[in-house]
Amino acid sequence: MEHHPAAWLTEAATAAQQQGSGNLLRIVLVVMILGCALTAWFLLRGYKRKDD
């Protein structure tokens, strides 16, 4: 079996097809968006002023 420098690319493409729908990526994106929203809420709630 000969070693070809670009063989890893075809192996990666084959593995990507077998991976499926990418549930891990979806979970990471949802957690990241929720984390950003909660961080923004936490930081911005301190700017609310009550002018009485």
PDB file of N, CA and C in Angstrom:
ATOM      1  N   MET A   1       0.844  -1.186   0.000  1.00  0.00           N
ATOM      2  CA  MET A   1       0.000   0.000   0.000  1.00  0.00           C
ATOM      3  C   MET A   1       0.882   1.240   0.000  1.00  0.00           C
ATOM      4  N   GLU A   2       0.695   2.078  -0.988  1.00  0.00           N
ATOM      5  CA  GLU A   2       1.490   3.290  -1.089  1.00  0.00           C
ATOM      6  C   GLU A   2       0.844   4.419  -0.303  1.00  0.00           C
ATOM      7  N   HIS A   3       1.692   5.310   0.137  1.00  0.00           N
ATOM      8  CA  HIS A   3       1.208   6.464   0.899  1.00  0.00           C
ATOM      9  C   HIS A   3       1.092   7.659  -0.041  1.00  0.00           C
ATOM     10  N   HIS A   4      -0.109   8.221  -0.124  1.00  0.00           N
ATOM     11  CA  HIS A   4      -0.338   9.401  -0.940  1.00  0.00           C
ATOM     12  C   HIS A   4      -0.592  10.587  -0.014  1.00  0.00           C
ATOM     13  N   PRO A   5       0.044  11.716  -0.267  1.00  0.00           N
ATOM     14  CA  PRO A   5      -0.121  12.877   0.624  1.00  0.00           C
ATOM     15  C   PRO A   5      -1.567  13.362   0.734  1.00  0.00           C
ATOM     16  N   ALA A   6      -2.364  13.220  -0.309  1.00  0.00           N
ATOM     17  CA  ALA A   6      -3.742  13.715  -0.273  1.00  0.00           C
ATOM     18  C   ALA A   6      -4.728  12.640   0.160  1.00  0.00           C
ATOM     19  N   ALA A   7      -4.239  11.509   0.618  1.00  0.00           N
ATOM     20  CA  ALA A   7      -5.141  10.425   1.009  1.00  0.00           C
ATOM     21  C   ALA A   7      -5.967  10.800   2.236  1.00  0.00           C
ATOM     22  N   TRP A   8      -5.415  11.627   3.118  1.00  0.00           N
ATOM     23  CA  TRP A   8      -6.169  12.014   4.317  1.00  0.00           C
ATOM     24  C   TRP A   8      -7.407  12.810   3.945  1.00  0.00           C
ATOM     25  N   LEU A   9      -7.344  13.537   2.828  1.00  0.00           N
ATOM     26  CA  LEU A   9      -8.495  14.331   2.407  1.00  0.00           C
ATOM     27  C   LEU A   9      -9.668  13.437   1.997  1.00  0.00           C
ATOM     28  N   THR A  10      -9.376  12.389   1.262  1.00  0.00           N
ATOM     29  CA  THR A  10     -10.453  11.481   0.849  1.00  0.00           C
ATOM     30  C   THR A  10     -10.985  10.703   2.047  1.00  0.00           C
ATOM     31  N   GLU A  11     -10.098  10.360   2.969  1.00  0.00           N
ATOM     32  CA  GLU A  11     -10.551   9.657   4.178  1.00  0.00           C
ATOM     33  C   GLU A  11     -11.423  10.571   5.036  1.00  0.00           C
ATOM     34  N   ALA A  12     -11.051  11.842   5.118  1.00  0.00           N
ATOM     35  CA  ALA A  12     -11.859  12.795   5.891  1.00  0.00           C
ATOM     36  C   ALA A  12     -13.223  13.003   5.241  1.00  0.00           C
ATOM     37  N   ALA A  13     -13.263  13.053   3.926  1.00  0.00           N
ATOM     38  CA  ALA A  13     -14.541  13.217   3.232  1.00  0.00           C
ATOM     39  C   ALA A  13     -15.435  12.005   3.442  1.00  0.00           C
ATOM     40  N   THR A  14     -14.841  10.816   3.424  1.00  0.00           N
ATOM     41  CA  THR A  14     -15.611   9.604   3.658  1.00  0.00           C
ATOM     42  C   THR A  14     -16.148   9.571   5.087  1.00  0.00           C
ATOM     43  N   ALA A  15     -15.310   9.964   6.032  1.00  0.00           N
ATOM     44  CA  ALA A  15     -15.743   9.986   7.432  1.00  0.00           C
ATOM     45  C   ALA A  15     -16.832  11.033   7.647  1.00  0.00           C
ATOM     46  N   ALA A  16     -16.751  12.159   6.950  1.00  0.00           N
ATOM     47  CA  ALA A  16     -17.763  13.202   7.098  1.00  0.00           C
ATOM     48  C   ALA A  16     -19.113  12.731   6.570  1.00  0.00           C
ATOM     49  N   GLN A  17     -19.105  11.923   5.525  1.00  0.00           N
ATOM     50  CA  GLN A  17     -20.372  11.399   5.005  1.00  0.00           C
ATOM     51  C   GLN A  17     -20.978  10.397   5.974  1.00  0.00           C
ATOM     52  N   GLN A  18     -20.150   9.666   6.673  1.00  0.00           N
ATOM     53  CA  GLN A  18     -20.657   8.669   7.620  1.00  0.00           C
ATOM     54  C   GLN A  18     -21.036   9.294   8.955  1.00  0.00           C
ATOM     55  N   GLN A  19     -20.624  10.527   9.181  1.00  0.00           N
ATOM     56  CA  GLN A  19     -20.861  11.191  10.470  1.00  0.00           C
ATOM     57  C   GLN A  19     -22.347  11.367  10.733  1.00  0.00           C
ATOM     58  N   GLY A  20     -23.080  11.756   9.741  1.00  0.00           N
ATOM     59  CA  GLY A  20     -24.503  11.959   9.954  1.00  0.00           C
ATOM     60  C   GLY A  20     -24.856  13.424   9.946  1.00  0.00           C
ATOM     61  N   SER A  21     -25.835  13.782  10.771  1.00  0.00           N
ATOM     62  CA  SER A  21     -26.401  15.131  10.714  1.00  0.00           C
ATOM     63  C   SER A  21     -25.658  16.149  11.559  1.00  0.00           C
ATOM     64  N   GLY A  22     -24.692  15.749  12.344  1.00  0.00           N
ATOM     65  CA  GLY A  22     -23.921  16.712  13.130  1.00  0.00           C
ATOM     66  C   GLY A  22     -24.643  17.188  14.370  1.00  0.00           C
ATOM     67  N   ASN A  23     -25.113  16.266  15.184  1.00  0.00           N
ATOM     68  CA  ASN A  23     -25.851  16.646  16.397  1.00  0.00           C
ATOM     69  C   ASN A  23     -24.970  17.388  17.386  1.00  0.00           C
ATOM     70  N   LEU A  24     -23.697  17.030  17.446  1.00  0.00           N
ATOM     71  CA  LEU A  24     -22.791  17.714  18.369  1.00  0.00           C
ATOM     72  C   LEU A  24     -22.667  19.190  18.008  1.00  0.00           C
ATOM     73  N   LEU A  25     -22.561  19.484  16.724  1.00  0.00           N
ATOM     74  CA  LEU A  25     -22.465  20.876  16.295  1.00  0.00           C
ATOM     75  C   LEU A  25     -23.730  21.647  16.644  1.00  0.00           C
ATOM     76  N   ARG A  26     -24.874  21.026  16.482  1.00  0.00           N
ATOM     77  CA  ARG A  26     -26.135  21.693  16.849  1.00  0.00           C
ATOM     78  C   ARG A  26     -26.176  22.003  18.341  1.00  0.00           C
ATOM     79  N   ILE A  27     -25.771  21.049  19.149  1.00  0.00           N
ATOM     80  CA  ILE A  27     -25.783  21.251  20.606  1.00  0.00           C
ATOM     81  C   ILE A  27     -24.836  22.372  20.985  1.00  0.00           C
ATOM     82  N   VAL A  28     -23.645  22.382  20.398  1.00  0.00           N
ATOM     83  CA  VAL A  28     -22.664  23.429  20.704  1.00  0.00           C
ATOM     84  C   VAL A  28     -23.198  24.795  20.308  1.00  0.00           C
ATOM     85  N   LEU A  29     -23.829  24.897  19.147  1.00  0.00           N
ATOM     86  CA  LEU A  29     -24.367  26.181  18.707  1.00  0.00           C
ATOM     87  C   LEU A  29     -25.494  26.668  19.608  1.00  0.00           C
ATOM     88  N   VAL A  30     -26.393  25.774  20.010  1.00  0.00           N
ATOM     89  CA  VAL A  30     -27.511  26.168  20.880  1.00  0.00           C
ATOM     90  C   VAL A  30     -26.989  26.622  22.240  1.00  0.00           C
ATOM     91  N   VAL A  31     -26.042  25.894  22.800  1.00  0.00           N
ATOM     92  CA  VAL A  31     -25.482  26.271  24.103  1.00  0.00           C
ATOM     93  C   VAL A  31     -24.749  27.601  23.997  1.00  0.00           C
ATOM     94  N   MET A  32     -24.034  27.812  22.895  1.00  0.00           N
ATOM     95  CA  MET A  32     -23.305  29.063  22.713  1.00  0.00           C
ATOM     96  C   MET A  32     -24.267  30.240  22.600  1.00  0.00           C
ATOM     97  N   ILE A  33     -25.350  30.084  21.859  1.00  0.00           N
ATOM     98  CA  ILE A  33     -26.321  31.172  21.704  1.00  0.00           C
ATOM     99  C   ILE A  33     -27.015  31.465  23.028  1.00  0.00           C
ATOM    100  N   LEU A  34     -27.406  30.420  23.748  1.00  0.00           N
ATOM    101  CA  LEU A  34     -28.034  30.637  25.057  1.00  0.00           C
ATOM    102  C   LEU A  34     -27.067  31.287  26.036  1.00  0.00           C
ATOM    103  N   GLY A  35     -25.811  30.874  26.002  1.00  0.00           N
ATOM    104  CA  GLY A  35     -24.810  31.475  26.876  1.00  0.00           C
ATOM    105  C   GLY A  35     -24.593  32.941  26.573  1.00  0.00           C
ATOM    106  N   CYS A  36     -24.569  33.293  25.287  1.00  0.00           N
ATOM    107  CA  CYS A  36     -24.421  34.704  24.907  1.00  0.00           C
ATOM    108  C   CYS A  36     -25.625  35.514  25.355  1.00  0.00           C
ATOM    109  N   ALA A  37     -26.816  34.955  25.202  1.00  0.00           N
ATOM    110  CA  ALA A  37     -28.022  35.669  25.613  1.00  0.00           C
ATOM    111  C   ALA A  37     -28.043  35.888  27.129  1.00  0.00           C
ATOM    112  N   LEU A  38     -27.696  34.871  27.881  1.00  0.00           N
ATOM    113  CA  LEU A  38     -27.679  35.020  29.337  1.00  0.00           C
ATOM    114  C   LEU A  38     -26.597  35.985  29.796  1.00  0.00           C
ATOM    115  N   THR A  39     -25.449  35.955  29.142  1.00  0.00           N
ATOM    116  CA  THR A  39     -24.380  36.888  29.491  1.00  0.00           C
ATOM    117  C   THR A  39     -24.787  38.319  29.184  1.00  0.00           C
ATOM    118  N   ALA A  40     -25.424  38.532  28.029  1.00  0.00           N
ATOM    119  CA  ALA A  40     -25.888  39.878  27.679  1.00  0.00           C
ATOM    120  C   ALA A  40     -26.938  40.359  28.669  1.00  0.00           C
ATOM    121  N   TRP A  41     -27.853  39.489  29.055  1.00  0.00           N
ATOM    122  CA  TRP A  41     -28.876  39.872  30.035  1.00  0.00           C
ATOM    123  C   TRP A  41     -28.229  40.237  31.365  1.00  0.00           C
ATOM    124  N   PHE A  42     -27.268  39.440  31.808  1.00  0.00           N
ATOM    125  CA  PHE A  42     -26.614  39.681  33.088  1.00  0.00           C
ATOM    126  C   PHE A  42     -25.848  40.999  33.076  1.00  0.00           C
ATOM    127  N   LEU A  43     -25.172  41.287  31.966  1.00  0.00           N
ATOM    128  CA  LEU A  43     -24.397  42.519  31.898  1.00  0.00           C
ATOM    129  C   LEU A  43     -25.284  43.746  31.715  1.00  0.00           C
ATOM    130  N   LEU A  44     -26.334  43.613  30.921  1.00  0.00           N
ATOM    131  CA  LEU A  44     -27.167  44.773  30.624  1.00  0.00           C
ATOM    132  C   LEU A  44     -28.172  45.099  31.713  1.00  0.00           C
ATOM    133  N   ARG A  45     -28.471  44.163  32.603  1.00  0.00           N
ATOM    134  CA  ARG A  45     -29.452  44.457  33.642  1.00  0.00           C
ATOM    135  C   ARG A  45     -28.923  45.480  34.641  1.00  0.00           C
ATOM    136  N   GLY A  46     -27.616  45.631  34.721  1.00  0.00           N
ATOM    137  CA  GLY A  46     -27.043  46.620  35.624  1.00  0.00           C
ATOM    138  C   GLY A  46     -27.191  48.040  35.128  1.00  0.00           C
ATOM    139  N   TYR A  47     -27.517  48.206  33.845  1.00  0.00           N
ATOM    140  CA  TYR A  47     -27.663  49.542  33.283  1.00  0.00           C
ATOM    141  C   TYR A  47     -29.075  50.103  33.453  1.00  0.00           C
ATOM    142  N   LYS A  48     -29.991  49.289  33.958  1.00  0.00           N
ATOM    143  CA  LYS A  48     -31.350  49.761  34.146  1.00  0.00           C
ATOM    144  C   LYS A  48     -31.392  50.716  35.343  1.00  0.00           C
ATOM    145  N   ARG A  49     -31.919  51.908  35.108  1.00  0.00           N
ATOM    146  CA  ARG A  49     -32.004  52.898  36.189  1.00  0.00           C
ATOM    147  C   ARG A  49     -33.460  53.129  36.560  1.00  0.00           C
ATOM    148  N   LYS A  50     -33.664  53.337  37.824  1.00  0.00           N
ATOM    149  CA  LYS A  50     -35.002  53.672  38.306  1.00  0.00           C
ATOM    150  C   LYS A  50     -34.984  55.131  38.713  1.00  0.00           C
ATOM    151  N   ASP A  51     -35.529  55.974  37.854  1.00  0.00           N
ATOM    152  CA  ASP A  51     -35.595  57.410  38.163  1.00  0.00           C
ATOM    153  C   ASP A  51     -36.910  57.692  38.883  1.00  0.00           C
ATOM    154  N   ASP A  52     -36.821  57.916  40.180  1.00  0.00           N
ATOM    155  CA  ASP A  52     -38.025  58.208  40.973  1.00  0.00           C
ATOM    156  C   ASP A  52     -38.130  59.696  41.218  1.00  0.00           C
TER     157      ASP A  52
END
